[in-house]
Each structure stands twice: as structure tokens, then as C-alpha cells.
């Protein structure tokens, strides 16, 4: 009886651990998909609404856009806009 109880507890513990691990992986993957979707949407909007700055790039080689107020910005991998000073722009 003791032996079968130990086996049942071990099986239940393993089942619980694998479920928690699978849930954390799904959560991490869902967050990555959300960031990528946000990035694509922000870059698409920027390409349609604002002008690209053809001769310049951001500090990390990003595409630089100019909004209607003549502010320079780029879109990062999470879809957020980062505004740049003119001194932060690099030549291509």
C-alpha cells in the first residue's frame, strides 16, 4: 500500500510540474507573438503615414521616420516609437 501511494504521489507531482512548465512556455510565446504583431503594425503605420529619412539611420541601424511635426523617430522590436535628436542620426 505504501509503495503504490508513493508512486501515485510521484506521478501527480510530475504531472503538476509539466503543466506549470508548459503554461510558462505558452505565456512566453504569446508575449513574443504580441510584441512582433505590435512591431509590424507600428512599422506599417509609420511607412504609410510618415516619410522615411532615406540617407540616415538610427543608432542601431533602424529605419528613421519623420512625422508631421518634423520629429525623427524609429520603431523598436516591441513596437514603441523612440524619438531621436538630429545628433543621434547616423549616415547609411
N, C-alpha and C. Protein backbone atom coordinates (compact mmCIF):
# COMPACT_ATOMS: atom_id res chain seq x y z
N UNK A 1 0.82 -1.19 0.00
CA UNK A 1 0.00 0.00 0.00
C UNK A 1 0.86 1.26 0.00
N UNK A 2 1.91 1.26 0.84
CA UNK A 2 2.78 2.43 0.92
C UNK A 2 3.47 2.67 -0.43
N UNK A 3 3.86 1.59 -1.06
CA UNK A 3 4.58 1.69 -2.34
C UNK A 3 3.68 2.30 -3.43
N UNK A 4 2.46 1.88 -3.51
CA UNK A 4 1.55 2.40 -4.53
C UNK A 4 1.17 3.86 -4.24
N UNK A 5 1.10 4.22 -2.96
CA UNK A 5 0.83 5.61 -2.59
C UNK A 5 1.97 6.52 -3.03
N UNK A 6 3.20 6.05 -2.82
CA UNK A 6 4.38 6.83 -3.24
C UNK A 6 4.39 7.03 -4.76
N UNK A 7 4.08 5.98 -5.48
CA UNK A 7 4.06 6.06 -6.94
C UNK A 7 2.97 7.03 -7.41
N UNK A 8 1.81 6.98 -6.79
CA UNK A 8 0.72 7.87 -7.16
C UNK A 8 1.08 9.33 -6.87
N UNK A 9 1.70 9.60 -5.72
CA UNK A 9 2.13 10.97 -5.39
C UNK A 9 3.22 11.46 -6.35
N UNK A 10 4.14 10.58 -6.70
CA UNK A 10 5.19 10.94 -7.64
C UNK A 10 4.60 11.27 -9.02
N UNK A 11 3.66 10.46 -9.47
CA UNK A 11 3.02 10.71 -10.76
C UNK A 11 2.24 12.02 -10.75
N UNK A 12 1.52 12.29 -9.67
CA UNK A 12 0.77 13.54 -9.56
C UNK A 12 1.71 14.75 -9.53
N UNK A 13 2.83 14.61 -8.85
CA UNK A 13 3.81 15.69 -8.79
C UNK A 13 4.43 15.97 -10.15
N UNK A 14 4.78 14.91 -10.86
CA UNK A 14 5.35 15.09 -12.21
C UNK A 14 4.34 15.73 -13.15
N UNK A 15 3.10 15.32 -13.05
CA UNK A 15 2.05 15.89 -13.89
C UNK A 15 1.90 17.39 -13.61
N UNK A 16 1.92 17.77 -12.34
CA UNK A 16 1.77 19.18 -11.97
C UNK A 16 2.95 20.02 -12.47
N UNK A 17 4.15 19.47 -12.34
CA UNK A 17 5.34 20.20 -12.79
C UNK A 17 5.32 20.40 -14.30
N UNK A 18 4.95 19.39 -15.06
CA UNK A 18 4.93 19.54 -16.52
C UNK A 18 3.86 20.53 -16.95
N UNK A 19 2.73 20.58 -16.26
CA UNK A 19 1.69 21.54 -16.60
C UNK A 19 2.16 22.96 -16.35
N UNK A 20 2.84 23.20 -15.23
CA UNK A 20 3.34 24.54 -14.92
C UNK A 20 4.39 24.96 -15.95
N UNK A 21 5.27 24.04 -16.32
CA UNK A 21 6.31 24.35 -17.31
C UNK A 21 5.68 24.67 -18.66
N UNK A 22 4.69 23.89 -19.07
CA UNK A 22 4.04 24.14 -20.36
C UNK A 22 3.31 25.48 -20.34
N UNK A 23 2.68 25.82 -19.23
CA UNK A 23 1.96 27.10 -19.13
C UNK A 23 2.92 28.28 -19.25
N UNK A 24 4.10 28.19 -18.62
CA UNK A 24 5.05 29.30 -18.70
C UNK A 24 5.59 29.45 -20.11
N UNK A 25 5.79 28.34 -20.83
CA UNK A 25 6.27 28.41 -22.21
C UNK A 25 5.21 29.04 -23.11
N UNK A 26 3.95 28.67 -22.93
CA UNK A 26 2.86 29.26 -23.73
C UNK A 26 2.77 30.75 -23.46
N UNK A 27 2.90 31.15 -22.21
CA UNK A 27 2.83 32.56 -21.85
C UNK A 27 3.97 33.35 -22.50
N UNK A 28 5.17 32.79 -22.47
CA UNK A 28 6.33 33.45 -23.06
C UNK A 28 6.17 33.57 -24.57
N UNK A 29 5.70 32.51 -25.21
CA UNK A 29 5.50 32.54 -26.66
C UNK A 29 4.40 33.53 -27.05
N UNK A 30 3.34 33.59 -26.26
CA UNK A 30 2.25 34.54 -26.54
C UNK A 30 2.74 35.97 -26.44
N UNK A 31 3.61 36.24 -25.47
CA UNK A 31 4.15 37.58 -25.32
C UNK A 31 5.03 37.94 -26.52
N UNK A 32 5.83 36.99 -27.00
CA UNK A 32 6.70 37.24 -28.17
C UNK A 32 5.86 37.51 -29.42
N UNK A 33 4.78 36.77 -29.58
CA UNK A 33 3.90 36.98 -30.74
C UNK A 33 3.25 38.36 -30.65
N UNK A 34 2.85 38.77 -29.46
CA UNK A 34 2.25 40.08 -29.27
C UNK A 34 3.22 41.21 -29.61
N UNK A 35 4.49 41.06 -29.18
CA UNK A 35 5.49 42.09 -29.49
C UNK A 35 5.74 42.18 -30.99
N UNK A 36 5.82 41.04 -31.65
CA UNK A 36 6.07 41.04 -33.10
C UNK A 36 4.90 41.66 -33.85
N UNK A 37 3.68 41.35 -33.43
CA UNK A 37 2.49 41.94 -34.06
C UNK A 37 2.48 43.45 -33.88
N UNK A 38 2.82 43.91 -32.69
CA UNK A 38 2.87 45.34 -32.41
C UNK A 38 3.94 46.03 -33.25
N UNK A 39 5.09 45.38 -33.38
CA UNK A 39 6.18 45.95 -34.19
C UNK A 39 5.75 46.09 -35.65
N UNK A 40 5.16 45.06 -36.21
CA UNK A 40 4.75 45.08 -37.61
C UNK A 40 3.68 46.15 -37.84
N UNK A 41 2.73 46.25 -36.91
CA UNK A 41 1.66 47.25 -37.05
C UNK A 41 2.22 48.66 -36.97
N UNK A 42 3.13 48.91 -36.03
CA UNK A 42 3.70 50.25 -35.87
C UNK A 42 4.55 50.63 -37.08
N UNK A 43 5.34 49.68 -37.59
CA UNK A 43 6.17 49.97 -38.76
C UNK A 43 5.33 50.18 -40.01
N UNK A 44 4.25 49.43 -40.14
CA UNK A 44 3.36 49.61 -41.29
C UNK A 44 2.69 50.97 -41.25
N UNK A 45 2.22 51.36 -40.07
CA UNK A 45 1.59 52.66 -39.92
C UNK A 45 2.58 53.78 -40.22
N UNK A 46 3.80 53.64 -39.70
CA UNK A 46 4.82 54.66 -39.93
C UNK A 46 5.17 54.77 -41.41
N UNK A 47 5.23 53.65 -42.10
CA UNK A 47 5.56 53.67 -43.53
C UNK A 47 4.46 54.33 -44.35
N UNK A 48 3.20 54.20 -43.92
CA UNK A 48 2.09 54.78 -44.67
C UNK A 48 1.91 56.26 -44.32
N UNK A 49 1.95 56.58 -43.04
CA UNK A 49 1.61 57.93 -42.58
C UNK A 49 2.80 58.89 -42.69
N UNK A 50 3.99 58.44 -42.30
CA UNK A 50 5.16 59.33 -42.23
C UNK A 50 6.16 59.02 -43.34
N UNK A 51 7.10 59.96 -43.51
CA UNK A 51 8.13 59.80 -44.53
C UNK A 51 9.35 59.10 -43.94
N UNK A 52 10.04 58.30 -44.78
CA UNK A 52 11.30 57.70 -44.38
C UNK A 52 12.42 58.70 -44.63
N UNK A 53 13.39 58.70 -43.75
CA UNK A 53 14.58 59.54 -43.93
C UNK A 53 15.59 58.68 -44.66
N UNK A 54 15.75 58.91 -45.97
CA UNK A 54 16.48 57.99 -46.83
C UNK A 54 17.98 57.91 -46.55
N UNK A 55 18.65 59.00 -46.25
CA UNK A 55 20.10 58.98 -46.11
C UNK A 55 20.59 58.70 -44.71
N UNK A 56 19.70 58.55 -43.77
CA UNK A 56 20.10 58.38 -42.38
C UNK A 56 19.50 57.11 -41.79
N UNK A 57 20.07 56.68 -40.66
CA UNK A 57 19.56 55.54 -39.92
C UNK A 57 19.69 55.80 -38.43
N UNK A 58 19.02 55.00 -37.62
CA UNK A 58 19.07 55.15 -36.17
C UNK A 58 20.38 54.67 -35.60
N UNK A 59 20.56 54.78 -34.29
CA UNK A 59 21.81 54.37 -33.65
C UNK A 59 22.15 52.89 -33.84
N UNK A 60 21.14 52.05 -33.98
CA UNK A 60 21.37 50.62 -34.16
C UNK A 60 21.10 50.15 -35.58
N UNK A 61 21.03 51.07 -36.54
CA UNK A 61 20.77 50.71 -37.92
C UNK A 61 19.29 50.65 -38.26
N UNK A 62 18.43 51.21 -37.42
CA UNK A 62 16.99 51.19 -37.66
C UNK A 62 16.60 52.21 -38.73
N UNK A 63 15.46 51.96 -39.35
CA UNK A 63 14.89 52.91 -40.30
C UNK A 63 14.34 54.10 -39.54
N UNK A 64 14.67 55.30 -40.00
CA UNK A 64 14.23 56.53 -39.33
C UNK A 64 13.07 57.12 -40.12
N UNK A 65 12.04 57.53 -39.40
CA UNK A 65 10.85 58.15 -39.98
C UNK A 65 10.75 59.59 -39.50
N UNK A 66 10.08 60.42 -40.30
CA UNK A 66 9.85 61.82 -39.95
C UNK A 66 8.34 62.02 -39.85
N UNK A 67 7.86 62.47 -38.68
CA UNK A 67 6.41 62.67 -38.52
C UNK A 67 6.00 64.05 -39.02
N UNK A 68 4.73 64.38 -38.88
CA UNK A 68 4.21 65.63 -39.42
C UNK A 68 4.73 66.86 -38.69
N UNK A 69 5.34 66.67 -37.52
CA UNK A 69 5.92 67.78 -36.77
C UNK A 69 7.43 67.89 -37.00
N UNK A 70 7.95 67.17 -37.98
CA UNK A 70 9.38 67.11 -38.32
C UNK A 70 10.23 66.54 -37.19
N UNK A 71 9.68 65.60 -36.44
CA UNK A 71 10.44 64.88 -35.42
C UNK A 71 10.92 63.56 -36.00
N UNK A 72 12.14 63.17 -35.65
CA UNK A 72 12.73 61.93 -36.15
C UNK A 72 12.49 60.82 -35.12
N UNK A 73 12.12 59.64 -35.59
CA UNK A 73 11.93 58.52 -34.68
C UNK A 73 12.16 57.20 -35.40
N UNK A 74 12.35 56.14 -34.61
CA UNK A 74 12.38 54.79 -35.15
C UNK A 74 11.48 53.92 -34.28
N UNK A 75 11.12 52.75 -34.80
CA UNK A 75 10.26 51.81 -34.09
C UNK A 75 11.11 50.63 -33.66
N UNK A 76 11.06 50.30 -32.34
CA UNK A 76 11.87 49.19 -31.84
C UNK A 76 11.17 47.85 -32.04
N UNK A 77 11.76 46.78 -31.51
CA UNK A 77 11.23 45.44 -31.73
C UNK A 77 9.95 45.16 -30.95
N UNK A 78 9.56 46.03 -30.03
CA UNK A 78 8.30 45.87 -29.31
C UNK A 78 7.21 46.78 -29.84
N UNK A 79 7.52 47.57 -30.88
CA UNK A 79 6.52 48.43 -31.49
C UNK A 79 6.45 49.82 -30.88
N UNK A 80 7.40 50.19 -30.04
CA UNK A 80 7.40 51.51 -29.43
C UNK A 80 8.21 52.49 -30.27
N UNK A 81 7.74 53.74 -30.31
CA UNK A 81 8.46 54.79 -31.02
C UNK A 81 9.52 55.39 -30.10
N UNK A 82 10.71 55.59 -30.64
CA UNK A 82 11.78 56.27 -29.91
C UNK A 82 12.20 57.48 -30.73
N UNK A 83 12.00 58.66 -30.16
CA UNK A 83 12.34 59.89 -30.85
C UNK A 83 13.83 60.16 -30.71
N UNK A 84 14.40 60.70 -31.78
CA UNK A 84 15.84 60.94 -31.85
C UNK A 84 16.13 62.42 -32.02
N UNK A 85 17.28 62.82 -31.51
CA UNK A 85 17.79 64.15 -31.80
C UNK A 85 18.53 64.06 -33.13
N UNK A 86 18.72 65.19 -33.77
CA UNK A 86 19.42 65.19 -35.05
C UNK A 86 20.85 64.68 -34.89
N UNK A 87 21.45 64.90 -33.72
CA UNK A 87 22.82 64.44 -33.49
C UNK A 87 22.92 62.91 -33.33
N UNK A 88 21.80 62.24 -33.07
CA UNK A 88 21.81 60.78 -32.91
C UNK A 88 21.68 60.04 -34.24
N UNK A 89 21.38 60.73 -35.31
CA UNK A 89 21.22 60.10 -36.62
C UNK A 89 22.57 59.74 -37.19
N UNK A 90 22.65 58.60 -37.87
CA UNK A 90 23.88 58.12 -38.49
C UNK A 90 23.69 58.05 -40.00
N UNK A 91 24.78 58.23 -40.75
CA UNK A 91 24.72 58.07 -42.20
C UNK A 91 24.62 56.59 -42.55
N UNK A 92 23.94 56.30 -43.66
CA UNK A 92 23.85 54.90 -44.12
C UNK A 92 25.10 54.50 -44.83
